[in-house]
Amino acid sequence: MRYLPPELFVKLKDYKGGLRYLRWFDRTFPDDMGHPFFLFDWTLILFKTGNLKEAEKKAFKTFSSNKYIFDKFLGKELMSLDLGENSGWEKEMVIKHFNYSRNHTEFKDFAEWLENLQTSEKFKKLTDELIEIDRKLITEPVGKTRTKLVNRRYKLI
């Protein structure tokens, strides 16, 4: 239930109220990773309230939780990634259940910002590294190398 309010704040266009809720959420559940739709709402709310640096960080965290969600929102062809069995599930989940679109008038400014962010050198470097780590984790057995990869992934996010 704690994941539902941000979507409702977005529907109401009450971004300041959403931000208050998310600040409370962050204090109350500091270790909660969230899920892709929740993180997308969080990124959108941060953007709409002018918290652009935080929105950039949350956008990367959103991408790390689902690598297809931004392409779906922007109406782009979903990228084809070879990330093992979870990759298909992520893609299918987004296609079937994600209802936000850049075509919604309220989201046009966010869509433009998100496209610029995705093409920035910094964001591309981070996402490329994350994808590379995720690819390696598919086959890397338990051990020192896998631990280093997991720790690097955690630090990126």
N, C-alpha and C. Protein backbone atom coordinates (compact mmCIF):
# COMPACT_ATOMS: atom_id res chain seq x y z
N MET A 1 0.81 -1.21 0.00
CA MET A 1 0.00 0.00 0.00
C MET A 1 0.86 1.27 0.00
N ARG A 2 2.05 1.18 0.59
CA ARG A 2 2.88 2.39 0.68
C ARG A 2 3.40 2.86 -0.69
N TYR A 3 3.30 2.00 -1.70
CA TYR A 3 3.74 2.38 -3.04
C TYR A 3 2.67 3.11 -3.85
N LEU A 4 1.45 3.10 -3.39
CA LEU A 4 0.34 3.67 -4.16
C LEU A 4 0.25 5.20 -4.14
N PRO A 5 0.51 5.86 -3.04
CA PRO A 5 0.30 7.33 -3.01
C PRO A 5 1.01 8.14 -4.08
N PRO A 6 2.27 7.86 -4.45
CA PRO A 6 2.88 8.73 -5.47
C PRO A 6 2.10 8.78 -6.78
N GLU A 7 1.60 7.66 -7.23
CA GLU A 7 0.80 7.65 -8.47
C GLU A 7 -0.45 8.51 -8.31
N LEU A 8 -1.05 8.47 -7.15
CA LEU A 8 -2.25 9.27 -6.90
C LEU A 8 -1.91 10.76 -6.87
N PHE A 9 -0.78 11.11 -6.26
CA PHE A 9 -0.35 12.51 -6.27
C PHE A 9 -0.10 12.99 -7.70
N VAL A 10 0.48 12.13 -8.53
CA VAL A 10 0.71 12.50 -9.94
C VAL A 10 -0.62 12.72 -10.64
N LYS A 11 -1.57 11.81 -10.42
CA LYS A 11 -2.89 11.96 -11.06
C LYS A 11 -3.58 13.26 -10.64
N LEU A 12 -3.37 13.64 -9.40
CA LEU A 12 -3.95 14.88 -8.88
C LEU A 12 -3.13 16.13 -9.26
N LYS A 13 -1.97 15.90 -9.83
CA LYS A 13 -1.02 16.98 -10.15
C LYS A 13 -0.60 17.73 -8.90
N ASP A 14 -0.61 17.03 -7.77
CA ASP A 14 -0.18 17.59 -6.49
C ASP A 14 1.26 17.13 -6.24
N TYR A 15 2.19 17.73 -6.96
CA TYR A 15 3.57 17.30 -6.89
C TYR A 15 4.23 17.67 -5.56
N LYS A 16 3.83 18.80 -4.99
CA LYS A 16 4.38 19.18 -3.68
C LYS A 16 3.91 18.20 -2.61
N GLY A 17 2.65 17.81 -2.65
CA GLY A 17 2.14 16.80 -1.73
C GLY A 17 2.85 15.47 -1.92
N GLY A 18 3.09 15.12 -3.18
CA GLY A 18 3.82 13.89 -3.48
C GLY A 18 5.23 13.94 -2.94
N LEU A 19 5.86 15.08 -3.06
CA LEU A 19 7.23 15.23 -2.54
C LEU A 19 7.24 15.08 -1.02
N ARG A 20 6.26 15.69 -0.34
CA ARG A 20 6.18 15.51 1.12
C ARG A 20 6.05 14.03 1.48
N TYR A 21 5.19 13.33 0.76
CA TYR A 21 5.00 11.90 1.01
C TYR A 21 6.31 11.13 0.78
N LEU A 22 6.98 11.43 -0.31
CA LEU A 22 8.21 10.70 -0.63
C LEU A 22 9.33 11.00 0.36
N ARG A 23 9.38 12.22 0.87
CA ARG A 23 10.37 12.53 1.92
C ARG A 23 10.06 11.71 3.18
N TRP A 24 8.77 11.62 3.53
CA TRP A 24 8.37 10.79 4.66
C TRP A 24 8.72 9.33 4.38
N PHE A 25 8.42 8.86 3.18
CA PHE A 25 8.70 7.48 2.79
C PHE A 25 10.19 7.18 2.95
N ASP A 26 11.03 8.08 2.48
CA ASP A 26 12.48 7.90 2.53
C ASP A 26 12.99 7.82 3.97
N ARG A 27 12.41 8.63 4.84
CA ARG A 27 12.80 8.59 6.26
C ARG A 27 12.29 7.32 6.93
N THR A 28 11.08 6.91 6.60
CA THR A 28 10.44 5.79 7.26
C THR A 28 10.93 4.44 6.76
N PHE A 29 11.25 4.35 5.48
CA PHE A 29 11.69 3.09 4.86
C PHE A 29 13.02 3.32 4.11
N PRO A 30 14.09 3.64 4.82
CA PRO A 30 15.34 4.02 4.15
C PRO A 30 15.97 2.91 3.31
N ASP A 31 15.69 1.67 3.62
CA ASP A 31 16.29 0.56 2.88
C ASP A 31 15.38 0.01 1.78
N ASP A 32 14.21 0.60 1.61
CA ASP A 32 13.26 0.11 0.62
C ASP A 32 13.73 0.47 -0.78
N MET A 33 13.84 -0.52 -1.64
CA MET A 33 14.31 -0.30 -3.01
C MET A 33 13.20 0.18 -3.94
N GLY A 34 11.95 -0.04 -3.57
CA GLY A 34 10.84 0.37 -4.43
C GLY A 34 10.71 -0.57 -5.62
N HIS A 35 9.89 -0.20 -6.56
CA HIS A 35 9.74 -0.95 -7.80
C HIS A 35 9.71 0.05 -8.95
N PRO A 36 9.83 -0.39 -10.18
CA PRO A 36 10.01 0.55 -11.30
C PRO A 36 8.94 1.64 -11.41
N PHE A 37 7.67 1.30 -11.28
CA PHE A 37 6.62 2.31 -11.45
C PHE A 37 6.68 3.34 -10.33
N PHE A 38 6.92 2.87 -9.12
CA PHE A 38 7.06 3.75 -7.96
C PHE A 38 8.23 4.70 -8.15
N LEU A 39 9.36 4.15 -8.60
CA LEU A 39 10.55 4.97 -8.82
C LEU A 39 10.35 5.96 -9.96
N PHE A 40 9.60 5.56 -10.98
CA PHE A 40 9.27 6.48 -12.07
C PHE A 40 8.46 7.66 -11.53
N ASP A 41 7.42 7.35 -10.72
CA ASP A 41 6.62 8.43 -10.11
C ASP A 41 7.51 9.35 -9.28
N TRP A 42 8.42 8.77 -8.54
CA TRP A 42 9.32 9.55 -7.70
C TRP A 42 10.17 10.48 -8.54
N THR A 43 10.72 9.96 -9.63
CA THR A 43 11.52 10.78 -10.54
C THR A 43 10.70 11.93 -11.11
N LEU A 44 9.50 11.61 -11.54
CA LEU A 44 8.60 12.62 -12.11
C LEU A 44 8.26 13.71 -11.09
N ILE A 45 7.96 13.30 -9.87
CA ILE A 45 7.63 14.26 -8.82
C ILE A 45 8.83 15.16 -8.50
N LEU A 46 10.01 14.56 -8.42
CA LEU A 46 11.21 15.36 -8.18
C LEU A 46 11.40 16.39 -9.30
N PHE A 47 11.23 15.94 -10.54
CA PHE A 47 11.35 16.87 -11.66
C PHE A 47 10.33 17.99 -11.57
N LYS A 48 9.08 17.64 -11.34
CA LYS A 48 8.00 18.62 -11.33
C LYS A 48 8.12 19.63 -10.18
N THR A 49 8.87 19.27 -9.14
CA THR A 49 9.07 20.19 -8.02
C THR A 49 10.41 20.91 -8.11
N GLY A 50 11.10 20.75 -9.24
CA GLY A 50 12.34 21.49 -9.46
C GLY A 50 13.58 20.91 -8.82
N ASN A 51 13.49 19.70 -8.32
CA ASN A 51 14.63 19.04 -7.69
C ASN A 51 15.38 18.22 -8.74
N LEU A 52 16.04 18.91 -9.67
CA LEU A 52 16.60 18.25 -10.84
C LEU A 52 17.78 17.33 -10.52
N LYS A 53 18.64 17.72 -9.62
CA LYS A 53 19.78 16.84 -9.27
C LYS A 53 19.27 15.54 -8.65
N GLU A 54 18.30 15.67 -7.74
CA GLU A 54 17.72 14.46 -7.14
C GLU A 54 16.98 13.65 -8.19
N ALA A 55 16.31 14.32 -9.12
CA ALA A 55 15.58 13.63 -10.18
C ALA A 55 16.55 12.84 -11.07
N GLU A 56 17.72 13.39 -11.34
CA GLU A 56 18.72 12.66 -12.13
C GLU A 56 19.13 11.38 -11.43
N LYS A 57 19.39 11.48 -10.15
CA LYS A 57 19.79 10.30 -9.37
C LYS A 57 18.67 9.27 -9.35
N LYS A 58 17.46 9.73 -9.13
CA LYS A 58 16.32 8.81 -9.06
C LYS A 58 16.04 8.20 -10.44
N ALA A 59 16.29 8.96 -11.50
CA ALA A 59 16.11 8.42 -12.86
C ALA A 59 17.06 7.26 -13.09
N PHE A 60 18.30 7.39 -12.63
CA PHE A 60 19.24 6.28 -12.79
C PHE A 60 18.79 5.07 -11.97
N LYS A 61 18.32 5.33 -10.77
CA LYS A 61 17.81 4.22 -9.93
C LYS A 61 16.60 3.57 -10.61
N THR A 62 15.75 4.37 -11.22
CA THR A 62 14.60 3.84 -11.95
C THR A 62 15.09 2.97 -13.10
N PHE A 63 16.05 3.46 -13.86
CA PHE A 63 16.61 2.69 -14.96
C PHE A 63 17.20 1.38 -14.46
N SER A 64 17.87 1.43 -13.33
CA SER A 64 18.50 0.21 -12.80
C SER A 64 17.45 -0.83 -12.40
N SER A 65 16.26 -0.38 -12.06
CA SER A 65 15.21 -1.33 -11.65
C SER A 65 14.45 -1.87 -12.86
N ASN A 66 14.45 -1.12 -13.96
CA ASN A 66 13.81 -1.60 -15.19
C ASN A 66 14.38 -0.80 -16.36
N LYS A 67 15.11 -1.47 -17.20
CA LYS A 67 15.82 -0.81 -18.28
C LYS A 67 14.94 -0.45 -19.47
N TYR A 68 13.65 -0.77 -19.42
CA TYR A 68 12.75 -0.51 -20.54
C TYR A 68 11.75 0.61 -20.26
N ILE A 69 11.62 1.01 -19.02
CA ILE A 69 10.53 1.91 -18.62
C ILE A 69 10.61 3.28 -19.31
N PHE A 70 11.80 3.83 -19.45
CA PHE A 70 11.92 5.14 -20.08
C PHE A 70 11.62 5.07 -21.58
N ASP A 71 12.10 4.02 -22.24
CA ASP A 71 11.79 3.87 -23.66
C ASP A 71 10.30 3.71 -23.88
N LYS A 72 9.64 2.98 -23.00
CA LYS A 72 8.19 2.81 -23.11
C LYS A 72 7.51 4.18 -22.95
N PHE A 73 7.90 4.94 -21.95
CA PHE A 73 7.32 6.25 -21.71
C PHE A 73 7.53 7.18 -22.91
N LEU A 74 8.73 7.14 -23.48
CA LEU A 74 9.07 8.05 -24.57
C LEU A 74 8.56 7.57 -25.93
N GLY A 75 7.94 6.41 -25.96
CA GLY A 75 7.39 5.89 -27.20
C GLY A 75 8.44 5.36 -28.15
N LYS A 76 9.59 4.99 -27.60
CA LYS A 76 10.67 4.45 -28.42
C LYS A 76 10.53 2.93 -28.49
N GLU A 77 11.17 2.36 -29.49
CA GLU A 77 11.24 0.91 -29.57
C GLU A 77 12.04 0.43 -28.36
N LEU A 78 11.53 -0.60 -27.69
CA LEU A 78 12.22 -1.09 -26.51
C LEU A 78 13.53 -1.74 -26.91
N MET A 79 14.60 -1.33 -26.24
CA MET A 79 15.91 -1.86 -26.58
C MET A 79 15.95 -3.36 -26.29
N SER A 80 16.76 -4.03 -27.05
CA SER A 80 16.90 -5.47 -26.88
C SER A 80 18.18 -5.73 -26.10
N LEU A 81 18.02 -6.20 -24.89
CA LEU A 81 19.18 -6.47 -24.04
C LEU A 81 19.22 -7.95 -23.71
N ASP A 82 20.39 -8.49 -23.71
CA ASP A 82 20.56 -9.90 -23.35
C ASP A 82 20.96 -9.95 -21.89
N LEU A 83 19.94 -9.89 -21.03
CA LEU A 83 20.22 -9.85 -19.59
C LEU A 83 19.61 -11.04 -18.86
N GLY A 84 19.45 -12.15 -19.55
CA GLY A 84 18.95 -13.35 -18.90
C GLY A 84 17.44 -13.37 -18.80
N GLU A 85 16.97 -14.29 -18.00
CA GLU A 85 15.52 -14.55 -17.93
C GLU A 85 14.73 -13.38 -17.36
N ASN A 86 15.28 -12.58 -16.47
CA ASN A 86 14.55 -11.47 -15.89
C ASN A 86 14.29 -10.36 -16.90
N SER A 87 15.13 -10.29 -17.92
CA SER A 87 14.98 -9.24 -18.92
C SER A 87 13.62 -9.29 -19.61
N GLY A 88 13.19 -10.46 -20.02
CA GLY A 88 11.90 -10.60 -20.69
C GLY A 88 10.75 -10.22 -19.77
N TRP A 89 10.85 -10.60 -18.53
CA TRP A 89 9.80 -10.27 -17.56
C TRP A 89 9.70 -8.77 -17.39
N GLU A 90 10.83 -8.12 -17.27
CA GLU A 90 10.81 -6.66 -17.14
C GLU A 90 10.14 -6.02 -18.34
N LYS A 91 10.51 -6.45 -19.52
CA LYS A 91 9.97 -5.88 -20.75
C LYS A 91 8.46 -6.12 -20.82
N GLU A 92 8.05 -7.33 -20.54
CA GLU A 92 6.62 -7.67 -20.60
C GLU A 92 5.83 -6.86 -19.58
N MET A 93 6.37 -6.71 -18.38
CA MET A 93 5.68 -5.95 -17.35
C MET A 93 5.43 -4.52 -17.80
N VAL A 94 6.44 -3.91 -18.38
CA VAL A 94 6.31 -2.52 -18.81
C VAL A 94 5.27 -2.41 -19.92
N ILE A 95 5.36 -3.27 -20.89
CA ILE A 95 4.44 -3.20 -22.03
C ILE A 95 2.99 -3.35 -21.58
N LYS A 96 2.74 -4.25 -20.69
CA LYS A 96 1.36 -4.55 -20.30
C LYS A 96 0.78 -3.58 -19.28
N HIS A 97 1.58 -3.06 -18.39
CA HIS A 97 1.02 -2.36 -17.23
C HIS A 97 1.45 -0.92 -17.04
N PHE A 98 2.39 -0.45 -17.82
CA PHE A 98 2.86 0.92 -17.64
C PHE A 98 2.03 1.85 -18.52
N ASN A 99 1.33 2.80 -17.91
CA ASN A 99 0.36 3.61 -18.64
C ASN A 99 0.79 5.06 -18.88
N TYR A 100 1.95 5.46 -18.41
CA TYR A 100 2.39 6.83 -18.66
C TYR A 100 2.93 6.94 -20.09
N SER A 101 2.77 8.14 -20.65
CA SER A 101 3.26 8.37 -22.00
C SER A 101 3.66 9.83 -22.16
N ARG A 102 4.66 10.05 -22.98
CA ARG A 102 5.09 11.41 -23.26
C ARG A 102 4.01 12.21 -23.95
N ASN A 103 3.01 11.53 -24.52
CA ASN A 103 1.94 12.21 -25.24
C ASN A 103 0.95 12.90 -24.32
N HIS A 104 0.98 12.57 -23.05
CA HIS A 104 0.11 13.25 -22.08
C HIS A 104 0.63 14.67 -21.90
N THR A 105 -0.22 15.64 -22.07
CA THR A 105 0.17 17.06 -22.03
C THR A 105 0.96 17.41 -20.77
N GLU A 106 0.55 16.87 -19.65
CA GLU A 106 1.20 17.18 -18.37
C GLU A 106 2.66 16.71 -18.31
N PHE A 107 3.02 15.76 -19.16
CA PHE A 107 4.36 15.16 -19.08
C PHE A 107 5.31 15.61 -20.18
N LYS A 108 4.91 16.54 -21.02
CA LYS A 108 5.76 16.95 -22.15
C LYS A 108 7.10 17.52 -21.68
N ASP A 109 7.08 18.37 -20.65
CA ASP A 109 8.34 18.94 -20.16
C ASP A 109 9.23 17.86 -19.55
N PHE A 110 8.62 16.94 -18.85
CA PHE A 110 9.38 15.83 -18.25
C PHE A 110 9.99 14.96 -19.35
N ALA A 111 9.24 14.67 -20.39
CA ALA A 111 9.73 13.84 -21.49
C ALA A 111 10.95 14.49 -22.15
N GLU A 112 10.88 15.79 -22.36
CA GLU A 112 12.01 16.50 -22.97
C GLU A 112 13.24 16.43 -22.07
N TRP A 113 13.04 16.67 -20.79
CA TRP A 113 14.14 16.59 -19.83
C TRP A 113 14.73 15.19 -19.81
N LEU A 114 13.86 14.18 -19.79
CA LEU A 114 14.31 12.78 -19.72
C LEU A 114 15.11 12.40 -20.97
N GLU A 115 14.67 12.84 -22.12
CA GLU A 115 15.43 12.56 -23.35
C GLU A 115 16.80 13.20 -23.29
N ASN A 116 16.87 14.43 -22.83
CA ASN A 116 18.16 15.10 -22.70
C ASN A 116 19.05 14.39 -21.68
N LEU A 117 18.46 13.96 -20.59
CA LEU A 117 19.23 13.24 -19.58
C LEU A 117 19.79 11.95 -20.15
N GLN A 118 18.95 11.19 -20.84
CA GLN A 118 19.39 9.91 -21.38
C GLN A 118 20.51 10.04 -22.39
N THR A 119 20.57 11.16 -23.08
CA THR A 119 21.62 11.33 -24.08
C THR A 119 22.86 12.04 -23.51
N SER A 120 22.79 12.42 -22.24
CA SER A 120 23.96 13.07 -21.64
C SER A 120 25.09 12.05 -21.46
N GLU A 121 26.30 12.54 -21.57
CA GLU A 121 27.47 11.67 -21.46
C GLU A 121 27.50 10.95 -20.12
N LYS A 122 27.21 11.66 -19.05
CA LYS A 122 27.26 11.07 -17.71
C LYS A 122 26.25 9.92 -17.56
N PHE A 123 25.01 10.16 -17.97
CA PHE A 123 23.97 9.14 -17.83
C PHE A 123 24.28 7.93 -18.71
N LYS A 124 24.71 8.18 -19.95
CA LYS A 124 25.05 7.08 -20.85
C LYS A 124 26.19 6.24 -20.28
N LYS A 125 27.17 6.90 -19.71
CA LYS A 125 28.31 6.17 -19.13
C LYS A 125 27.83 5.27 -17.98
N LEU A 126 26.99 5.83 -17.11
CA LEU A 126 26.48 5.05 -15.98
C LEU A 126 25.61 3.88 -16.44
N THR A 127 24.71 4.13 -17.39
CA THR A 127 23.81 3.06 -17.84
C THR A 127 24.58 1.98 -18.58
N ASP A 128 25.57 2.38 -19.38
CA ASP A 128 26.38 1.38 -20.08
C ASP A 128 27.12 0.49 -19.09
N GLU A 129 27.67 1.10 -18.05
CA GLU A 129 28.39 0.32 -17.04
C GLU A 129 27.43 -0.61 -16.30
N LEU A 130 26.26 -0.12 -15.96
CA LEU A 130 25.27 -0.94 -15.27
C LEU A 130 24.86 -2.14 -16.13
N ILE A 131 24.60 -1.92 -17.39
CA ILE A 131 24.21 -3.01 -18.28
C ILE A 131 25.34 -4.03 -18.40
N GLU A 132 26.56 -3.55 -18.51
CA GLU A 132 27.71 -4.45 -18.59
C GLU A 132 27.84 -5.30 -17.32
N ILE A 133 27.67 -4.69 -16.18
CA ILE A 133 27.72 -5.44 -14.91
C ILE A 133 26.61 -6.47 -14.88
N ASP A 134 25.40 -6.08 -15.25
CA ASP A 134 24.27 -7.01 -15.23
C ASP A 134 24.51 -8.19 -16.17
N ARG A 135 25.11 -7.94 -17.33
CA ARG A 135 25.43 -9.03 -18.25
C ARG A 135 26.43 -9.99 -17.63
N LYS A 136 27.45 -9.46 -16.98
CA LYS A 136 28.46 -10.30 -16.36
C LYS A 136 27.88 -11.11 -15.20
N LEU A 137 26.95 -10.51 -14.47
CA LEU A 137 26.37 -11.20 -13.32
C LEU A 137 25.54 -12.43 -13.72
N ILE A 138 25.09 -12.48 -14.96
CA ILE A 138 24.29 -13.61 -15.42
C ILE A 138 25.08 -14.91 -15.30
N THR A 139 26.36 -14.86 -15.65
CA THR A 139 27.16 -16.09 -15.70
C THR A 139 28.25 -16.17 -14.64
N GLU A 140 28.49 -15.09 -13.96
CA GLU A 140 29.59 -15.08 -12.98
C GLU A 140 29.22 -15.91 -11.75
N PRO A 141 30.01 -16.94 -11.44
CA PRO A 141 29.71 -17.77 -10.26
C PRO A 141 30.01 -17.02 -8.96
N VAL A 142 29.47 -17.52 -7.89
CA VAL A 142 29.72 -16.94 -6.57
C VAL A 142 31.22 -16.97 -6.31
N GLY A 143 31.71 -15.84 -5.82
CA GLY A 143 33.14 -15.72 -5.55
C GLY A 143 33.54 -14.27 -5.51
N LYS A 144 34.84 -14.04 -5.51
CA LYS A 144 35.37 -12.68 -5.38
C LYS A 144 34.94 -11.76 -6.53
N THR A 145 35.02 -12.27 -7.74
CA THR A 145 34.67 -11.43 -8.90
C THR A 145 33.21 -11.03 -8.85
N ARG A 146 32.34 -11.98 -8.54
CA ARG A 146 30.90 -11.68 -8.46
C ARG A 146 30.63 -10.66 -7.35
N THR A 147 31.28 -10.84 -6.22
CA THR A 147 31.12 -9.91 -5.10
C THR A 147 31.54 -8.51 -5.51
N LYS A 148 32.65 -8.39 -6.23
CA LYS A 148 33.10 -7.07 -6.72
C LYS A 148 32.07 -6.46 -7.66
N LEU A 149 31.52 -7.28 -8.54
CA LEU A 149 30.51 -6.78 -9.48
C LEU A 149 29.26 -6.29 -8.75
N VAL A 150 28.79 -7.08 -7.78
CA VAL A 150 27.60 -6.70 -7.01
C VAL A 150 27.87 -5.42 -6.23
N ASN A 151 29.03 -5.32 -5.62
CA ASN A 151 29.37 -4.10 -4.87
C ASN A 151 29.47 -2.90 -5.80
N ARG A 152 30.04 -3.07 -6.99
CA ARG A 152 30.14 -1.96 -7.94
C ARG A 152 28.73 -1.52 -8.38
N ARG A 153 27.86 -2.50 -8.63
CA ARG A 153 26.49 -2.19 -9.04
C ARG A 153 25.78 -1.39 -7.95
N TYR A 154 25.95 -1.83 -6.71
CA TYR A 154 25.32 -1.17 -5.58
C TYR A 154 25.82 0.28 -5.47
N LYS A 155 27.12 0.48 -5.64
CA LYS A 155 27.69 1.83 -5.54
C LYS A 155 27.21 2.73 -6.67
N LEU A 156 27.03 2.17 -7.86
CA LEU A 156 26.51 2.96 -8.98
C LEU A 156 25.13 3.51 -8.67
N ILE A 157 24.31 2.65 -8.11
CA ILE A 157 22.92 3.03 -7.84
C ILE A 157 22.84 3.93 -6.62
